[in-house]
């Protein structure tokens, strides 16, 4: 069913849910309380986790190709612009 839903229908549904949350969400908030958000992962911890995963898999990480790095930098710049607009 989700795969058959158009983007327009999905945005309408999410808009409706923002005004009128589903019953199971309201009950969970009432009886279970709000979930505690996990603290943001630091760059150092992220790098350590990557090295640990590399050791587990036994493969060395390959350097990112220049065109992919440029795309990632562009995406981060666009994201920063959007944040400034808010």
N, C-alpha and C. Protein backbone atom coordinates (compact mmCIF):
# COMPACT_ATOMS: atom_id res chain seq x y z
N UNK A 1 0.81 -1.19 0.00
CA UNK A 1 0.00 0.00 0.00
C UNK A 1 0.86 1.26 0.00
N UNK A 2 1.92 1.27 0.77
CA UNK A 2 2.77 2.45 0.82
C UNK A 2 3.41 2.71 -0.54
N UNK A 3 3.79 1.65 -1.24
CA UNK A 3 4.44 1.80 -2.53
C UNK A 3 3.50 2.38 -3.58
N UNK A 4 2.20 2.24 -3.36
CA UNK A 4 1.22 2.75 -4.31
C UNK A 4 0.80 4.18 -3.98
N UNK A 5 1.26 4.72 -2.86
CA UNK A 5 0.89 6.07 -2.44
C UNK A 5 1.73 7.10 -3.17
N UNK A 6 1.07 8.13 -3.69
CA UNK A 6 1.81 9.20 -4.37
C UNK A 6 2.44 10.12 -3.34
N UNK A 7 3.39 10.90 -3.78
CA UNK A 7 4.06 11.85 -2.88
C UNK A 7 3.05 12.86 -2.34
N UNK A 8 2.15 13.31 -3.19
CA UNK A 8 1.12 14.27 -2.77
C UNK A 8 0.24 13.68 -1.67
N UNK A 9 -0.18 12.45 -1.86
CA UNK A 9 -1.02 11.79 -0.86
C UNK A 9 -0.26 11.61 0.46
N UNK A 10 1.02 11.28 0.35
CA UNK A 10 1.84 11.09 1.54
C UNK A 10 1.99 12.41 2.30
N UNK A 11 2.26 13.51 1.59
CA UNK A 11 2.41 14.79 2.28
C UNK A 11 1.10 15.23 2.92
N UNK A 12 -0.02 14.95 2.26
CA UNK A 12 -1.32 15.26 2.86
C UNK A 12 -1.53 14.45 4.14
N UNK A 13 -1.19 13.17 4.09
CA UNK A 13 -1.35 12.32 5.26
C UNK A 13 -0.46 12.79 6.41
N UNK A 14 0.79 13.13 6.12
CA UNK A 14 1.69 13.60 7.17
C UNK A 14 1.22 14.93 7.73
N UNK A 15 0.69 15.79 6.86
CA UNK A 15 0.13 17.05 7.34
C UNK A 15 -1.05 16.82 8.28
N UNK A 16 -1.91 15.88 7.91
CA UNK A 16 -3.05 15.54 8.75
C UNK A 16 -2.57 14.98 10.09
N UNK A 17 -1.58 14.09 10.04
CA UNK A 17 -1.07 13.50 11.27
C UNK A 17 -0.40 14.54 12.16
N UNK A 18 0.17 15.59 11.57
CA UNK A 18 0.78 16.62 12.42
C UNK A 18 -0.29 17.37 13.21
N UNK A 19 -1.50 17.47 12.64
CA UNK A 19 -2.62 18.11 13.33
C UNK A 19 -3.37 17.13 14.24
N UNK A 20 -3.56 15.92 13.75
CA UNK A 20 -4.32 14.89 14.46
C UNK A 20 -3.50 13.60 14.52
N UNK A 21 -2.61 13.46 15.49
CA UNK A 21 -1.75 12.26 15.56
C UNK A 21 -2.59 10.98 15.67
N UNK A 22 -2.06 9.88 15.13
CA UNK A 22 -2.76 8.61 15.24
C UNK A 22 -2.93 8.20 16.72
N UNK A 23 -3.96 7.44 16.99
CA UNK A 23 -4.28 7.03 18.36
C UNK A 23 -3.12 6.31 19.03
N UNK A 24 -2.45 5.42 18.32
CA UNK A 24 -1.36 4.67 18.96
C UNK A 24 -0.22 5.59 19.39
N UNK A 25 -0.02 6.70 18.67
CA UNK A 25 1.02 7.65 19.06
C UNK A 25 0.61 8.38 20.34
N UNK A 26 -0.65 8.80 20.39
CA UNK A 26 -1.15 9.49 21.59
C UNK A 26 -1.09 8.58 22.81
N UNK A 27 -1.50 7.33 22.64
CA UNK A 27 -1.47 6.39 23.76
C UNK A 27 -0.05 6.12 24.22
N UNK A 28 0.87 5.98 23.27
CA UNK A 28 2.26 5.74 23.63
C UNK A 28 2.83 6.93 24.40
N UNK A 29 2.51 8.14 23.97
CA UNK A 29 2.98 9.32 24.69
C UNK A 29 2.39 9.37 26.09
N UNK A 30 1.12 9.03 26.20
CA UNK A 30 0.44 9.10 27.49
C UNK A 30 0.99 8.08 28.48
N UNK A 31 1.16 6.85 28.02
CA UNK A 31 1.52 5.77 28.94
C UNK A 31 3.01 5.44 28.98
N UNK A 32 3.72 5.74 27.92
CA UNK A 32 5.14 5.42 27.90
C UNK A 32 6.02 6.65 28.03
N UNK A 33 5.48 7.82 27.78
CA UNK A 33 6.24 9.05 27.86
C UNK A 33 7.05 9.27 26.59
N UNK A 34 7.68 10.43 26.52
CA UNK A 34 8.48 10.75 25.34
C UNK A 34 9.78 9.97 25.36
N UNK A 35 10.24 9.63 24.19
CA UNK A 35 11.54 8.93 24.09
C UNK A 35 12.65 9.93 24.31
N UNK A 36 13.68 9.47 24.97
CA UNK A 36 14.86 10.31 25.14
C UNK A 36 15.68 10.24 23.87
N UNK A 37 16.09 11.40 23.39
CA UNK A 37 16.90 11.43 22.18
C UNK A 37 18.34 11.05 22.53
N UNK A 38 18.93 10.28 21.62
CA UNK A 38 20.32 9.92 21.81
C UNK A 38 21.18 11.14 21.53
N UNK A 39 22.26 11.32 22.30
CA UNK A 39 23.14 12.45 22.01
C UNK A 39 23.79 12.28 20.65
N UNK A 40 24.07 13.39 20.02
CA UNK A 40 24.70 13.36 18.69
C UNK A 40 26.07 12.71 18.78
N UNK A 41 26.39 11.92 17.77
CA UNK A 41 27.67 11.22 17.76
C UNK A 41 28.76 12.18 17.31
N UNK A 42 29.87 12.20 18.04
CA UNK A 42 30.97 13.08 17.68
C UNK A 42 31.71 12.52 16.47
N UNK A 43 32.44 13.40 15.78
CA UNK A 43 33.21 12.96 14.61
C UNK A 43 34.25 11.92 15.01
N UNK A 44 34.82 12.10 16.19
CA UNK A 44 35.84 11.15 16.66
C UNK A 44 35.23 9.77 16.88
N UNK A 45 34.06 9.72 17.51
CA UNK A 45 33.38 8.44 17.75
C UNK A 45 32.97 7.81 16.43
N UNK A 46 32.51 8.62 15.49
CA UNK A 46 32.13 8.13 14.17
C UNK A 46 33.33 7.49 13.48
N UNK A 47 34.49 8.15 13.56
CA UNK A 47 35.71 7.61 12.95
C UNK A 47 36.14 6.31 13.63
N UNK A 48 36.04 6.26 14.95
CA UNK A 48 36.39 5.04 15.68
C UNK A 48 35.47 3.88 15.29
N UNK A 49 34.18 4.17 15.17
CA UNK A 49 33.24 3.13 14.76
C UNK A 49 33.55 2.63 13.35
N UNK A 50 33.95 3.54 12.48
CA UNK A 50 34.31 3.15 11.12
C UNK A 50 35.53 2.25 11.10
N UNK A 51 36.53 2.57 11.92
CA UNK A 51 37.73 1.74 11.99
C UNK A 51 37.40 0.36 12.56
N UNK A 52 36.53 0.33 13.57
CA UNK A 52 36.13 -0.95 14.15
C UNK A 52 35.40 -1.81 13.11
N UNK A 53 34.53 -1.20 12.36
CA UNK A 53 33.82 -1.92 11.30
C UNK A 53 34.79 -2.41 10.24
N UNK A 54 35.75 -1.59 9.91
CA UNK A 54 36.78 -1.98 8.93
C UNK A 54 37.55 -3.20 9.42
N UNK A 55 37.90 -3.20 10.70
CA UNK A 55 38.62 -4.35 11.25
C UNK A 55 37.74 -5.60 11.23
N UNK A 56 36.46 -5.44 11.53
CA UNK A 56 35.55 -6.59 11.54
C UNK A 56 35.39 -7.17 10.14
N UNK A 57 35.31 -6.30 9.15
CA UNK A 57 35.11 -6.77 7.78
C UNK A 57 36.41 -7.19 7.11
N UNK A 58 37.50 -6.72 7.66
CA UNK A 58 38.80 -7.09 7.10
C UNK A 58 39.11 -6.41 5.78
N UNK A 59 38.49 -5.28 5.51
CA UNK A 59 38.77 -4.57 4.27
C UNK A 59 39.18 -3.15 4.59
N UNK A 60 40.05 -2.63 3.79
CA UNK A 60 40.50 -1.25 3.97
C UNK A 60 39.53 -0.32 3.25
N UNK A 61 39.27 0.81 3.85
CA UNK A 61 38.39 1.78 3.22
C UNK A 61 39.11 2.41 2.03
N UNK A 62 38.39 2.55 0.94
CA UNK A 62 38.97 3.16 -0.26
C UNK A 62 38.71 4.66 -0.19
N UNK A 63 39.67 5.45 -0.69
CA UNK A 63 39.45 6.90 -0.68
C UNK A 63 38.26 7.28 -1.58
N UNK A 64 37.58 8.32 -1.19
CA UNK A 64 36.42 8.78 -1.94
C UNK A 64 36.90 9.42 -3.25
N UNK A 65 36.29 9.06 -4.38
CA UNK A 65 36.67 9.68 -5.64
C UNK A 65 36.41 11.19 -5.59
N UNK A 66 37.23 11.97 -6.30
CA UNK A 66 37.09 13.43 -6.24
C UNK A 66 35.68 13.92 -6.60
N UNK A 67 35.05 13.33 -7.62
CA UNK A 67 33.72 13.82 -8.01
C UNK A 67 32.68 13.54 -6.94
N UNK A 68 32.83 12.45 -6.20
CA UNK A 68 31.89 12.15 -5.12
C UNK A 68 32.13 13.10 -3.96
N UNK A 69 33.40 13.40 -3.67
CA UNK A 69 33.72 14.35 -2.61
C UNK A 69 33.14 15.72 -2.94
N UNK A 70 33.25 16.15 -4.21
CA UNK A 70 32.70 17.44 -4.62
C UNK A 70 31.18 17.46 -4.44
N UNK A 71 30.51 16.35 -4.79
CA UNK A 71 29.06 16.29 -4.63
C UNK A 71 28.69 16.36 -3.15
N UNK A 72 29.45 15.69 -2.30
CA UNK A 72 29.16 15.70 -0.87
C UNK A 72 29.36 17.11 -0.30
N UNK A 73 30.41 17.78 -0.72
CA UNK A 73 30.66 19.14 -0.25
C UNK A 73 29.56 20.09 -0.71
N UNK A 74 29.11 19.92 -1.96
CA UNK A 74 28.03 20.74 -2.49
C UNK A 74 26.75 20.51 -1.68
N UNK A 75 26.45 19.24 -1.39
CA UNK A 75 25.24 18.90 -0.63
C UNK A 75 25.30 19.51 0.77
N UNK A 76 26.47 19.46 1.40
CA UNK A 76 26.60 20.05 2.73
C UNK A 76 26.42 21.56 2.69
N UNK A 77 26.94 22.20 1.62
CA UNK A 77 26.78 23.64 1.48
C UNK A 77 25.30 24.00 1.28
N UNK A 78 24.59 23.21 0.49
CA UNK A 78 23.15 23.46 0.28
C UNK A 78 22.38 23.28 1.58
N UNK A 79 22.75 22.26 2.34
CA UNK A 79 22.08 22.02 3.61
C UNK A 79 22.32 23.19 4.57
N UNK A 80 23.54 23.72 4.58
CA UNK A 80 23.86 24.85 5.44
C UNK A 80 23.04 26.08 5.02
N UNK A 81 22.87 26.30 3.72
CA UNK A 81 22.07 27.43 3.24
C UNK A 81 20.62 27.28 3.70
N UNK A 82 20.09 26.07 3.60
CA UNK A 82 18.70 25.86 4.02
C UNK A 82 18.53 26.10 5.51
N UNK A 83 19.51 25.71 6.29
CA UNK A 83 19.43 25.92 7.75
C UNK A 83 19.43 27.41 8.06
N UNK A 84 20.23 28.19 7.32
CA UNK A 84 20.30 29.64 7.57
C UNK A 84 18.98 30.32 7.24
N UNK A 85 18.23 29.79 6.27
CA UNK A 85 16.96 30.39 5.87
C UNK A 85 15.89 30.22 6.92
N UNK A 86 15.99 29.17 7.76
CA UNK A 86 14.96 28.89 8.76
C UNK A 86 14.99 29.87 9.87
